[in-house]
Amino acid sequence: LDIYGNKKSKRIERSIGVICYTEDKHYKKKLPKNINTPPSSHEDHFKTNLAKELSHHRDVVKKHLTDNDVDPECCEAFFIAFPDVAIIREAFYKYMYD
């Protein structure tokens, strides 16, 4: 939308956030290695464990948004679990500042 142009054009606020966090608990609950176990079984196992905590993460984000006068209905949050987010952060900063 052109917020500087036509007065009939209404601006709609939207926020998108990517939340990267360390999730060592579920990464430690890996399935045992087995040549007969397809990769999708490992992915499904991890996804099932993460899904159990999604409502908790959603509630925390909603509370922070509401506490800061942001309408949660106008936001999208994407959670990305890493075994150690510090490694990703270091790589990100290295890329940004090198």
C-alpha atoms as a PDB file:
ATOM      1  CA  LEU A   1       0.000   0.000   0.000  1.00  0.00           C
ATOM      2  CA  ASP A   2       1.159   3.481  -0.786  1.00  0.00           C
ATOM      3  CA  ILE A   3       0.966   5.309   2.548  1.00  0.00           C
ATOM      4  CA  TYR A   4       2.129   8.569   0.956  1.00  0.00           C
ATOM      5  CA  GLY A   5      -0.304   8.543  -1.935  1.00  0.00           C
ATOM      6  CA  ASN A   6      -4.069   8.313  -2.161  1.00  0.00           C
ATOM      7  CA  LYS A   7      -5.883   9.260   1.083  1.00  0.00           C
ATOM      8  CA  LYS A   8      -8.375   6.432   0.466  1.00  0.00           C
ATOM      9  CA  SER A   9      -5.545   3.956   0.775  1.00  0.00           C
ATOM     10  CA  LYS A  10      -5.505   2.682   4.377  1.00  0.00           C
ATOM     11  CA  ARG A  11      -2.301   1.543   5.992  1.00  0.00           C
ATOM     12  CA  ILE A  12      -2.485  -1.876   7.636  1.00  0.00           C
ATOM     13  CA  GLU A  13       0.110  -2.627  10.306  1.00  0.00           C
ATOM     14  CA  ARG A  14       1.633  -6.101  10.198  1.00  0.00           C
ATOM     15  CA  SER A  15       4.597  -7.524  12.054  1.00  0.00           C
ATOM     16  CA  ILE A  16       6.562 -10.663  11.325  1.00  0.00           C
ATOM     17  CA  GLY A  17       9.151 -12.121  13.650  1.00  0.00           C
ATOM     18  CA  VAL A  18      11.522 -15.026  13.534  1.00  0.00           C
ATOM     19  CA  ILE A  19      12.397 -16.384  16.949  1.00  0.00           C
ATOM     20  CA  CYS A  20      15.481 -18.588  16.994  1.00  0.00           C
ATOM     21  CA  TYR A  21      16.139 -20.365  20.252  1.00  0.00           C
ATOM     22  CA  THR A  22      18.224 -23.133  21.785  1.00  0.00           C
ATOM     23  CA  GLU A  23      16.205 -26.317  22.146  1.00  0.00           C
ATOM     24  CA  ASP A  24      18.652 -28.733  23.692  1.00  0.00           C
ATOM     25  CA  LYS A  25      16.000 -30.835  25.480  1.00  0.00           C
ATOM     26  CA  HIS A  26      14.385 -32.211  22.310  1.00  0.00           C
ATOM     27  CA  TYR A  27      17.631 -32.491  20.399  1.00  0.00           C
ATOM     28  CA  LYS A  28      18.806 -34.828  23.183  1.00  0.00           C
ATOM     29  CA  LYS A  29      15.700 -37.023  22.741  1.00  0.00           C
ATOM     30  CA  LYS A  30      16.847 -38.328  19.368  1.00  0.00           C
ATOM     31  CA  LEU A  31      15.794 -41.690  18.035  1.00  0.00           C
ATOM     32  CA  PRO A  32      18.598 -44.243  18.021  1.00  0.00           C
ATOM     33  CA  LYS A  33      20.520 -44.548  14.766  1.00  0.00           C
ATOM     34  CA  ASN A  34      19.295 -47.412  12.666  1.00  0.00           C
ATOM     35  CA  ILE A  35      19.941 -48.040   8.975  1.00  0.00           C
ATOM     36  CA  ASN A  36      16.348 -49.250   8.616  1.00  0.00           C
ATOM     37  CA  THR A  37      14.805 -46.074  10.059  1.00  0.00           C
ATOM     38  CA  PRO A  38      13.997 -43.530   7.344  1.00  0.00           C
ATOM     39  CA  PRO A  39      15.003 -39.876   7.902  1.00  0.00           C
ATOM     40  CA  SER A  40      11.335 -38.884   8.004  1.00  0.00           C
ATOM     41  CA  SER A  41      10.909 -40.881  11.243  1.00  0.00           C
ATOM     42  CA  HIS A  42      13.531 -38.705  12.931  1.00  0.00           C
ATOM     43  CA  GLU A  43      11.893 -35.549  11.602  1.00  0.00           C
ATOM     44  CA  ASP A  44       8.446 -36.676  12.741  1.00  0.00           C
ATOM     45  CA  HIS A  45       9.755 -37.563  16.199  1.00  0.00           C
ATOM     46  CA  PHE A  46      11.355 -34.130  16.599  1.00  0.00           C
ATOM     47  CA  LYS A  47       8.285 -32.354  15.212  1.00  0.00           C
ATOM     48  CA  THR A  48       5.984 -34.214  17.617  1.00  0.00           C
ATOM     49  CA  ASN A  49       8.122 -33.224  20.606  1.00  0.00           C
ATOM     50  CA  LEU A  50       8.274 -29.564  19.524  1.00  0.00           C
ATOM     51  CA  ALA A  51       4.526 -29.425  18.864  1.00  0.00           C
ATOM     52  CA  LYS A  52       3.876 -30.221  22.534  1.00  0.00           C
ATOM     53  CA  GLU A  53       5.456 -26.895  23.510  1.00  0.00           C
ATOM     54  CA  LEU A  54       4.052 -24.681  20.766  1.00  0.00           C
ATOM     55  CA  SER A  55       1.146 -23.381  22.837  1.00  0.00           C
ATOM     56  CA  HIS A  56       3.581 -22.326  25.590  1.00  0.00           C
ATOM     57  CA  HIS A  57       5.754 -20.402  23.091  1.00  0.00           C
ATOM     58  CA  ARG A  58       2.670 -18.857  21.502  1.00  0.00           C
ATOM     59  CA  ASP A  59       1.361 -17.704  24.892  1.00  0.00           C
ATOM     60  CA  VAL A  60       4.705 -16.125  25.835  1.00  0.00           C
ATOM     61  CA  VAL A  61       4.892 -14.186  22.554  1.00  0.00           C
ATOM     62  CA  LYS A  62       1.261 -13.107  22.846  1.00  0.00           C
ATOM     63  CA  LYS A  63       1.880 -11.806  26.390  1.00  0.00           C
ATOM     64  CA  HIS A  64       4.973  -9.823  25.318  1.00  0.00           C
ATOM     65  CA  LEU A  65       3.125  -8.316  22.375  1.00  0.00           C
ATOM     66  CA  THR A  66       0.080  -7.405  24.450  1.00  0.00           C
ATOM     67  CA  ASP A  67       2.247  -5.938  27.232  1.00  0.00           C
ATOM     68  CA  ASN A  68       3.857  -3.674  24.610  1.00  0.00           C
ATOM     69  CA  ASP A  69       0.567  -2.532  23.036  1.00  0.00           C
ATOM     70  CA  VAL A  70       0.967  -4.636  19.899  1.00  0.00           C
ATOM     71  CA  ASP A  71      -2.089  -6.436  18.564  1.00  0.00           C
ATOM     72  CA  PRO A  72      -1.161 -10.149  18.352  1.00  0.00           C
ATOM     73  CA  GLU A  73      -3.775 -10.607  15.611  1.00  0.00           C
ATOM     74  CA  CYS A  74      -1.591  -8.449  13.339  1.00  0.00           C
ATOM     75  CA  CYS A  75       1.550 -10.516  13.884  1.00  0.00           C
ATOM     76  CA  GLU A  76       3.130 -13.693  12.609  1.00  0.00           C
ATOM     77  CA  ALA A  77       5.838 -15.415  14.643  1.00  0.00           C
ATOM     78  CA  PHE A  78       8.019 -18.229  13.357  1.00  0.00           C
ATOM     79  CA  PHE A  79       9.897 -20.360  15.871  1.00  0.00           C
ATOM     80  CA  ILE A  80      13.119 -22.050  14.792  1.00  0.00           C
ATOM     81  CA  ALA A  81      14.715 -24.485  17.219  1.00  0.00           C
ATOM     82  CA  PHE A  82      18.480 -25.002  17.131  1.00  0.00           C
ATOM     83  CA  PRO A  83      20.671 -27.278  19.229  1.00  0.00           C
ATOM     84  CA  ASP A  84      22.698 -24.161  20.102  1.00  0.00           C
ATOM     85  CA  VAL A  85      21.505 -20.793  18.837  1.00  0.00           C
ATOM     86  CA  ALA A  86      24.844 -19.195  19.812  1.00  0.00           C
ATOM     87  CA  ILE A  87      26.475 -20.922  16.824  1.00  0.00           C
ATOM     88  CA  ILE A  88      23.874 -19.462  14.452  1.00  0.00           C
ATOM     89  CA  ARG A  89      24.176 -16.022  16.066  1.00  0.00           C
ATOM     90  CA  GLU A  90      27.967 -16.082  15.683  1.00  0.00           C
ATOM     91  CA  ALA A  91      27.701 -17.072  12.009  1.00  0.00           C
ATOM     92  CA  PHE A  92      25.081 -14.383  11.403  1.00  0.00           C
ATOM     93  CA  TYR A  93      27.196 -11.632  12.968  1.00  0.00           C
ATOM     94  CA  LYS A  94      30.281 -12.811  11.140  1.00  0.00           C
ATOM     95  CA  TYR A  95      28.411 -12.606   7.846  1.00  0.00           C
ATOM     96  CA  MET A  96      26.965  -9.167   8.689  1.00  0.00           C
ATOM     97  CA  TYR A  97      30.223  -7.570   9.828  1.00  0.00           C
ATOM     98  CA  ASP A  98      32.902  -9.223   7.688  1.00  0.00           C
END
